Amino acid sequence: MGMGKKFAVATATGVMTVAGLAATGGTAFAGTDGQQIVIDDQTRRVESIKIQGNDQHGAPATACLVTSGYETRMPGWWWRDYMHFSKWTDKTCGKSGGSWLGSQDEMVPAWMAPDRGDWYYIGIFKNDN
């Protein structure tokens, strides 16, 4: 195979790969369409957090995250912009009778520099109750 033909095959393969990635579009690219979050609970009292905010497409989303102590990651969920966190003493965001520990608001950037990865830390340093 000549050099020109090898280049043409390599170029066509690259174009098909990019087209295939663009067609999947369900998850955010690292650091560009929202961030996955990490809850950093310095109080060690929070058992779950109700999260209300925007997903990677800017659409409203709500989730209840059971926290597992000092640091809890929420993989597979991509968040951005204004977010509201309600903190609870039970693992069901208050549905099983837990006590409300307060709330806090955070801004999660839609974009972060690639060298910072795609995990954004949310620190919990105090509770209202």
N, C-alpha and C. Protein backbone atom coordinates (compact mmCIF):
# COMPACT_ATOMS: atom_id res chain seq x y z
N MET A 1 0.85 -1.17 0.00
CA MET A 1 0.00 0.00 0.00
C MET A 1 0.89 1.22 0.00
N GLY A 2 0.60 2.16 -0.91
CA GLY A 2 1.40 3.37 -1.02
C GLY A 2 1.16 4.31 0.15
N MET A 3 2.08 5.26 0.29
CA MET A 3 2.00 6.23 1.39
C MET A 3 0.72 7.05 1.32
N GLY A 4 0.30 7.48 0.14
CA GLY A 4 -0.92 8.27 -0.01
C GLY A 4 -2.15 7.48 0.41
N LYS A 5 -2.20 6.21 0.07
CA LYS A 5 -3.34 5.37 0.41
C LYS A 5 -3.39 5.12 1.92
N LYS A 6 -2.20 4.90 2.55
CA LYS A 6 -2.15 4.72 4.01
C LYS A 6 -2.67 5.97 4.73
N PHE A 7 -2.27 7.14 4.22
CA PHE A 7 -2.72 8.40 4.83
C PHE A 7 -4.24 8.55 4.70
N ALA A 8 -4.78 8.20 3.54
CA ALA A 8 -6.22 8.30 3.32
C ALA A 8 -6.99 7.37 4.25
N VAL A 9 -6.49 6.14 4.45
CA VAL A 9 -7.15 5.19 5.35
C VAL A 9 -7.07 5.70 6.79
N ALA A 10 -5.92 6.21 7.20
CA ALA A 10 -5.77 6.72 8.56
C ALA A 10 -6.69 7.91 8.80
N THR A 11 -6.80 8.80 7.83
CA THR A 11 -7.68 9.96 7.96
C THR A 11 -9.14 9.53 8.06
N ALA A 12 -9.57 8.60 7.22
CA ALA A 12 -10.96 8.12 7.26
C ALA A 12 -11.27 7.46 8.60
N THR A 13 -10.32 6.69 9.13
CA THR A 13 -10.52 6.04 10.43
C THR A 13 -10.67 7.09 11.52
N GLY A 14 -9.84 8.12 11.49
CA GLY A 14 -9.93 9.19 12.48
C GLY A 14 -11.25 9.92 12.42
N VAL A 15 -11.75 10.20 11.22
CA VAL A 15 -13.02 10.89 11.05
C VAL A 15 -14.17 10.03 11.59
N MET A 16 -14.14 8.72 11.33
CA MET A 16 -15.21 7.84 11.83
C MET A 16 -15.18 7.76 13.35
N THR A 17 -13.98 7.76 13.95
CA THR A 17 -13.87 7.71 15.41
C THR A 17 -14.47 8.96 16.03
N VAL A 18 -14.13 10.13 15.51
CA VAL A 18 -14.68 11.39 16.01
C VAL A 18 -16.19 11.42 15.83
N ALA A 19 -16.69 10.99 14.69
CA ALA A 19 -18.13 10.97 14.45
C ALA A 19 -18.83 10.04 15.43
N GLY A 20 -18.23 8.89 15.71
CA GLY A 20 -18.81 7.95 16.67
C GLY A 20 -18.87 8.53 18.07
N LEU A 21 -17.83 9.24 18.50
CA LEU A 21 -17.84 9.87 19.82
C LEU A 21 -18.87 10.97 19.89
N ALA A 22 -19.00 11.75 18.85
CA ALA A 22 -19.98 12.84 18.84
C ALA A 22 -21.39 12.31 18.88
N ALA A 23 -21.63 11.17 18.28
CA ALA A 23 -22.98 10.61 18.24
C ALA A 23 -23.43 10.08 19.59
N THR A 24 -22.48 9.67 20.46
CA THR A 24 -22.87 9.11 21.76
C THR A 24 -23.36 10.19 22.70
N GLY A 25 -22.69 11.31 22.83
CA GLY A 25 -23.09 12.51 23.53
C GLY A 25 -23.83 12.41 24.85
N GLY A 26 -23.96 11.27 25.52
CA GLY A 26 -24.73 11.17 26.75
C GLY A 26 -24.00 11.65 27.98
N THR A 27 -22.68 11.60 27.99
CA THR A 27 -21.93 12.05 29.16
C THR A 27 -21.13 13.28 28.81
N ALA A 28 -20.73 13.99 29.84
CA ALA A 28 -19.93 15.19 29.64
C ALA A 28 -18.48 14.79 29.38
N PHE A 29 -17.81 15.60 28.57
CA PHE A 29 -16.37 15.41 28.42
C PHE A 29 -15.71 16.01 29.64
N ALA A 30 -14.64 15.40 30.10
CA ALA A 30 -13.98 15.82 31.33
C ALA A 30 -13.75 17.31 31.37
N GLY A 31 -14.33 17.95 32.37
CA GLY A 31 -14.10 19.36 32.62
C GLY A 31 -14.80 20.34 31.70
N THR A 32 -15.60 19.89 30.72
CA THR A 32 -16.14 20.83 29.74
C THR A 32 -17.64 21.03 29.81
N ASP A 33 -18.40 20.07 30.28
CA ASP A 33 -19.86 20.18 30.31
C ASP A 33 -20.40 19.89 31.70
N GLY A 34 -19.74 20.36 32.72
CA GLY A 34 -20.14 20.08 34.08
C GLY A 34 -19.11 19.20 34.76
N GLN A 35 -19.31 19.02 36.05
CA GLN A 35 -18.34 18.28 36.86
C GLN A 35 -19.05 17.21 37.67
N GLN A 36 -18.32 16.16 37.96
CA GLN A 36 -18.78 15.20 38.96
C GLN A 36 -18.39 15.81 40.30
N ILE A 37 -19.19 15.57 41.34
CA ILE A 37 -18.91 16.24 42.60
C ILE A 37 -18.42 15.26 43.66
N VAL A 38 -17.68 15.83 44.60
CA VAL A 38 -17.19 15.12 45.77
C VAL A 38 -17.67 15.92 46.98
N ILE A 39 -18.36 15.26 47.91
CA ILE A 39 -18.79 15.91 49.14
C ILE A 39 -17.71 15.66 50.18
N ASP A 40 -17.18 16.72 50.74
CA ASP A 40 -16.12 16.67 51.74
C ASP A 40 -16.73 17.13 53.07
N ASP A 41 -17.21 16.18 53.88
CA ASP A 41 -17.93 16.48 55.12
C ASP A 41 -16.98 16.57 56.30
N GLN A 42 -16.60 17.79 56.64
CA GLN A 42 -15.72 18.01 57.78
C GLN A 42 -16.45 17.85 59.11
N THR A 43 -17.78 17.92 59.11
CA THR A 43 -18.55 17.82 60.36
C THR A 43 -18.78 16.37 60.79
N ARG A 44 -18.73 15.45 59.86
CA ARG A 44 -18.96 14.02 60.09
C ARG A 44 -20.35 13.72 60.66
N ARG A 45 -21.32 14.61 60.43
CA ARG A 45 -22.68 14.40 60.93
C ARG A 45 -23.67 14.15 59.80
N VAL A 46 -23.31 14.45 58.58
CA VAL A 46 -24.24 14.36 57.46
C VAL A 46 -24.29 12.91 56.96
N GLU A 47 -25.50 12.35 56.90
CA GLU A 47 -25.69 10.98 56.41
C GLU A 47 -26.19 10.96 54.97
N SER A 48 -26.88 12.04 54.55
CA SER A 48 -27.32 12.14 53.16
C SER A 48 -27.50 13.61 52.80
N ILE A 49 -27.43 13.87 51.50
CA ILE A 49 -27.59 15.22 50.99
C ILE A 49 -28.55 15.20 49.81
N LYS A 50 -29.58 16.05 49.88
CA LYS A 50 -30.47 16.22 48.73
C LYS A 50 -29.84 17.30 47.87
N ILE A 51 -29.58 16.95 46.63
CA ILE A 51 -28.91 17.85 45.70
C ILE A 51 -29.92 18.31 44.65
N GLN A 52 -30.01 19.62 44.49
CA GLN A 52 -30.87 20.20 43.46
C GLN A 52 -30.01 21.15 42.64
N GLY A 53 -30.01 20.95 41.33
CA GLY A 53 -29.19 21.79 40.48
C GLY A 53 -29.45 21.50 39.02
N ASN A 54 -28.45 21.77 38.21
CA ASN A 54 -28.53 21.55 36.77
C ASN A 54 -27.56 20.46 36.34
N ASP A 55 -28.01 19.61 35.42
CA ASP A 55 -27.13 18.58 34.87
C ASP A 55 -26.23 19.20 33.80
N GLN A 56 -25.45 18.36 33.12
CA GLN A 56 -24.48 18.85 32.13
C GLN A 56 -25.13 19.56 30.95
N HIS A 57 -26.43 19.35 30.75
CA HIS A 57 -27.14 20.02 29.65
C HIS A 57 -27.85 21.28 30.12
N GLY A 58 -27.74 21.61 31.41
CA GLY A 58 -28.42 22.77 31.97
C GLY A 58 -29.86 22.47 32.39
N ALA A 59 -30.27 21.22 32.34
CA ALA A 59 -31.64 20.84 32.73
C ALA A 59 -31.69 20.61 34.24
N PRO A 60 -32.81 20.95 34.90
CA PRO A 60 -32.94 20.72 36.34
C PRO A 60 -32.82 19.24 36.69
N ALA A 61 -32.14 18.95 37.80
CA ALA A 61 -31.95 17.58 38.26
C ALA A 61 -31.95 17.57 39.79
N THR A 62 -32.43 16.48 40.36
CA THR A 62 -32.46 16.29 41.82
C THR A 62 -31.98 14.89 42.14
N ALA A 63 -31.22 14.76 43.22
CA ALA A 63 -30.73 13.45 43.64
C ALA A 63 -30.54 13.45 45.15
N CYS A 64 -30.61 12.27 45.74
CA CYS A 64 -30.30 12.08 47.15
C CYS A 64 -29.02 11.25 47.22
N LEU A 65 -27.98 11.82 47.78
CA LEU A 65 -26.68 11.14 47.87
C LEU A 65 -26.44 10.71 49.31
N VAL A 66 -26.27 9.41 49.52
CA VAL A 66 -25.90 8.90 50.84
C VAL A 66 -24.41 9.14 51.02
N THR A 67 -24.07 9.84 52.07
CA THR A 67 -22.66 10.13 52.31
C THR A 67 -22.07 9.04 53.18
N SER A 68 -20.82 8.77 52.95
CA SER A 68 -20.18 7.64 53.64
C SER A 68 -19.05 8.10 54.55
N GLY A 69 -19.21 9.26 55.13
CA GLY A 69 -18.16 9.73 56.03
C GLY A 69 -17.48 10.96 55.50
N TYR A 70 -16.19 10.98 55.60
CA TYR A 70 -15.39 12.17 55.29
C TYR A 70 -15.53 12.63 53.84
N GLU A 71 -15.39 11.71 52.88
CA GLU A 71 -15.39 12.10 51.47
C GLU A 71 -16.26 11.13 50.67
N THR A 72 -17.24 11.67 49.94
CA THR A 72 -18.14 10.84 49.14
C THR A 72 -18.17 11.36 47.72
N ARG A 73 -17.88 10.49 46.77
CA ARG A 73 -17.93 10.85 45.35
C ARG A 73 -19.27 10.44 44.77
N MET A 74 -19.70 11.19 43.76
CA MET A 74 -20.95 10.89 43.07
C MET A 74 -20.64 10.66 41.59
N PRO A 75 -20.14 9.47 41.25
CA PRO A 75 -19.76 9.21 39.86
C PRO A 75 -20.97 9.05 38.96
N GLY A 76 -20.80 9.45 37.72
CA GLY A 76 -21.86 9.27 36.72
C GLY A 76 -22.88 10.38 36.68
N TRP A 77 -22.85 11.31 37.63
CA TRP A 77 -23.74 12.47 37.63
C TRP A 77 -22.88 13.69 37.34
N TRP A 78 -23.29 14.49 36.38
CA TRP A 78 -22.54 15.68 35.98
C TRP A 78 -23.38 16.91 36.30
N TRP A 79 -22.80 17.84 37.05
CA TRP A 79 -23.51 19.01 37.54
C TRP A 79 -22.83 20.28 37.06
N ARG A 80 -23.61 21.37 37.02
CA ARG A 80 -23.05 22.67 36.66
C ARG A 80 -23.94 23.79 37.18
N ASP A 81 -23.36 24.95 37.30
CA ASP A 81 -24.06 26.18 37.68
C ASP A 81 -24.51 26.16 39.14
N TYR A 82 -25.59 26.85 39.45
CA TYR A 82 -26.08 26.99 40.81
C TYR A 82 -26.61 25.66 41.34
N MET A 83 -26.22 25.31 42.56
CA MET A 83 -26.70 24.08 43.19
C MET A 83 -27.10 24.36 44.63
N HIS A 84 -28.12 23.62 45.09
CA HIS A 84 -28.62 23.73 46.46
C HIS A 84 -28.49 22.37 47.14
N PHE A 85 -27.89 22.35 48.33
CA PHE A 85 -27.66 21.12 49.08
C PHE A 85 -28.41 21.20 50.41
N SER A 86 -29.27 20.21 50.69
CA SER A 86 -29.93 20.08 51.99
C SER A 86 -29.30 18.89 52.69
N LYS A 87 -28.85 19.10 53.95
CA LYS A 87 -28.10 18.09 54.68
C LYS A 87 -29.00 17.41 55.72
N TRP A 88 -28.88 16.07 55.82
CA TRP A 88 -29.77 15.28 56.68
C TRP A 88 -28.99 14.28 57.53
N THR A 89 -29.62 13.88 58.67
CA THR A 89 -29.00 12.90 59.57
C THR A 89 -29.40 11.47 59.26
N ASP A 90 -30.29 11.24 58.28
CA ASP A 90 -30.65 9.88 57.89
C ASP A 90 -30.14 9.62 56.47
N LYS A 91 -30.24 8.42 56.00
CA LYS A 91 -29.72 8.05 54.68
C LYS A 91 -30.75 8.21 53.56
N THR A 92 -31.89 8.88 53.84
CA THR A 92 -32.95 9.02 52.84
C THR A 92 -33.33 10.48 52.59
N CYS A 93 -32.46 11.40 52.92
CA CYS A 93 -32.73 12.84 52.73
C CYS A 93 -34.01 13.27 53.44
N GLY A 94 -34.20 12.76 54.65
CA GLY A 94 -35.32 13.17 55.48
C GLY A 94 -36.58 12.34 55.35
N LYS A 95 -36.64 11.43 54.40
CA LYS A 95 -37.86 10.64 54.18
C LYS A 95 -38.11 9.64 55.30
N SER A 96 -37.08 9.23 56.03
CA SER A 96 -37.28 8.26 57.10
C SER A 96 -37.23 8.92 58.48
N GLY A 97 -37.46 10.23 58.52
CA GLY A 97 -37.55 10.92 59.79
C GLY A 97 -36.26 11.51 60.31
N GLY A 98 -35.27 11.64 59.49
CA GLY A 98 -34.02 12.24 59.93
C GLY A 98 -34.17 13.73 60.19
N SER A 99 -33.21 14.27 60.87
CA SER A 99 -33.21 15.70 61.19
C SER A 99 -32.49 16.48 60.09
N TRP A 100 -33.03 17.65 59.79
CA TRP A 100 -32.43 18.56 58.82
C TRP A 100 -31.27 19.28 59.48
N LEU A 101 -30.13 19.27 58.86
CA LEU A 101 -28.94 19.92 59.41
C LEU A 101 -28.65 21.27 58.78
N GLY A 102 -29.49 21.71 57.87
CA GLY A 102 -29.27 22.98 57.20
C GLY A 102 -29.05 22.78 55.72
N SER A 103 -28.78 23.87 55.05
CA SER A 103 -28.53 23.80 53.61
C SER A 103 -27.43 24.77 53.24
N GLN A 104 -26.92 24.59 52.06
CA GLN A 104 -25.92 25.52 51.53
C GLN A 104 -26.03 25.55 50.02
N ASP A 105 -25.61 26.65 49.45
CA ASP A 105 -25.63 26.85 48.01
C ASP A 105 -24.20 26.91 47.50
N GLU A 106 -24.00 26.37 46.32
CA GLU A 106 -22.67 26.35 45.70
C GLU A 106 -22.81 26.61 44.21
N MET A 107 -21.75 27.10 43.61
CA MET A 107 -21.67 27.22 42.15
C MET A 107 -20.66 26.19 41.67
N VAL A 108 -21.09 25.36 40.75
CA VAL A 108 -20.21 24.35 40.17
C VAL A 108 -19.90 24.80 38.74
N PRO A 109 -18.64 24.95 38.40
CA PRO A 109 -18.31 25.45 37.07
C PRO A 109 -18.65 24.45 35.97
N ALA A 110 -19.18 24.95 34.87
CA ALA A 110 -19.44 24.09 33.71
C ALA A 110 -18.11 23.66 33.08
N TRP A 111 -17.10 24.51 33.20
CA TRP A 111 -15.81 24.23 32.58
C TRP A 111 -14.71 24.38 33.62
N MET A 112 -13.77 23.45 33.60
CA MET A 112 -12.53 23.56 34.39
C MET A 112 -11.37 23.19 33.48
N ALA A 113 -10.21 23.73 33.78
CA ALA A 113 -9.01 23.40 32.99
C ALA A 113 -8.78 21.89 33.02
N PRO A 114 -8.39 21.31 31.90
CA PRO A 114 -8.19 19.85 31.82
C PRO A 114 -7.26 19.29 32.89
N ASP A 115 -6.27 20.04 33.32
CA ASP A 115 -5.35 19.53 34.33
C ASP A 115 -5.98 19.44 35.72
N ARG A 116 -7.17 20.02 35.91
CA ARG A 116 -7.89 19.93 37.19
C ARG A 116 -8.83 18.74 37.25
N GLY A 117 -8.97 18.02 36.14
CA GLY A 117 -9.84 16.85 36.11
C GLY A 117 -11.30 17.24 36.01
N ASP A 118 -12.19 16.33 36.40
CA ASP A 118 -13.62 16.63 36.31
C ASP A 118 -14.32 16.38 37.65
N TRP A 119 -13.60 16.42 38.76
CA TRP A 119 -14.18 16.29 40.10
C TRP A 119 -14.11 17.63 40.79
N TYR A 120 -15.26 18.08 41.29
CA TYR A 120 -15.35 19.37 41.97
C TYR A 120 -15.72 19.11 43.43
N TYR A 121 -14.92 19.64 44.36
CA TYR A 121 -15.13 19.40 45.78
C TYR A 121 -16.12 20.40 46.37
N ILE A 122 -17.08 19.88 47.13
CA ILE A 122 -18.03 20.69 47.88
C ILE A 122 -17.72 20.45 49.36
N GLY A 123 -17.28 21.48 50.05
CA GLY A 123 -16.93 21.33 51.46
C GLY A 123 -18.11 21.64 52.38
N ILE A 124 -18.28 20.77 53.37
CA ILE A 124 -19.27 21.00 54.42
C ILE A 124 -18.48 21.24 55.69
N PHE A 125 -18.52 22.49 56.15
CA PHE A 125 -17.72 22.86 57.30
C PHE A 125 -18.56 23.18 58.53
N LYS A 126 -19.89 23.40 58.32
CA LYS A 126 -20.77 23.66 59.45
C LYS A 126 -22.19 23.22 59.09
N ASN A 127 -22.96 22.95 60.12
CA ASN A 127 -24.36 22.62 59.97
C ASN A 127 -25.17 23.62 60.78
N ASP A 128 -26.41 23.87 60.37
CA ASP A 128 -27.25 24.82 61.09
C ASP A 128 -27.82 24.25 62.38
N ASN A 129 -27.95 22.95 62.46
CA ASN A 129 -28.51 22.30 63.67
C ASN A 129 -27.51 21.36 64.28
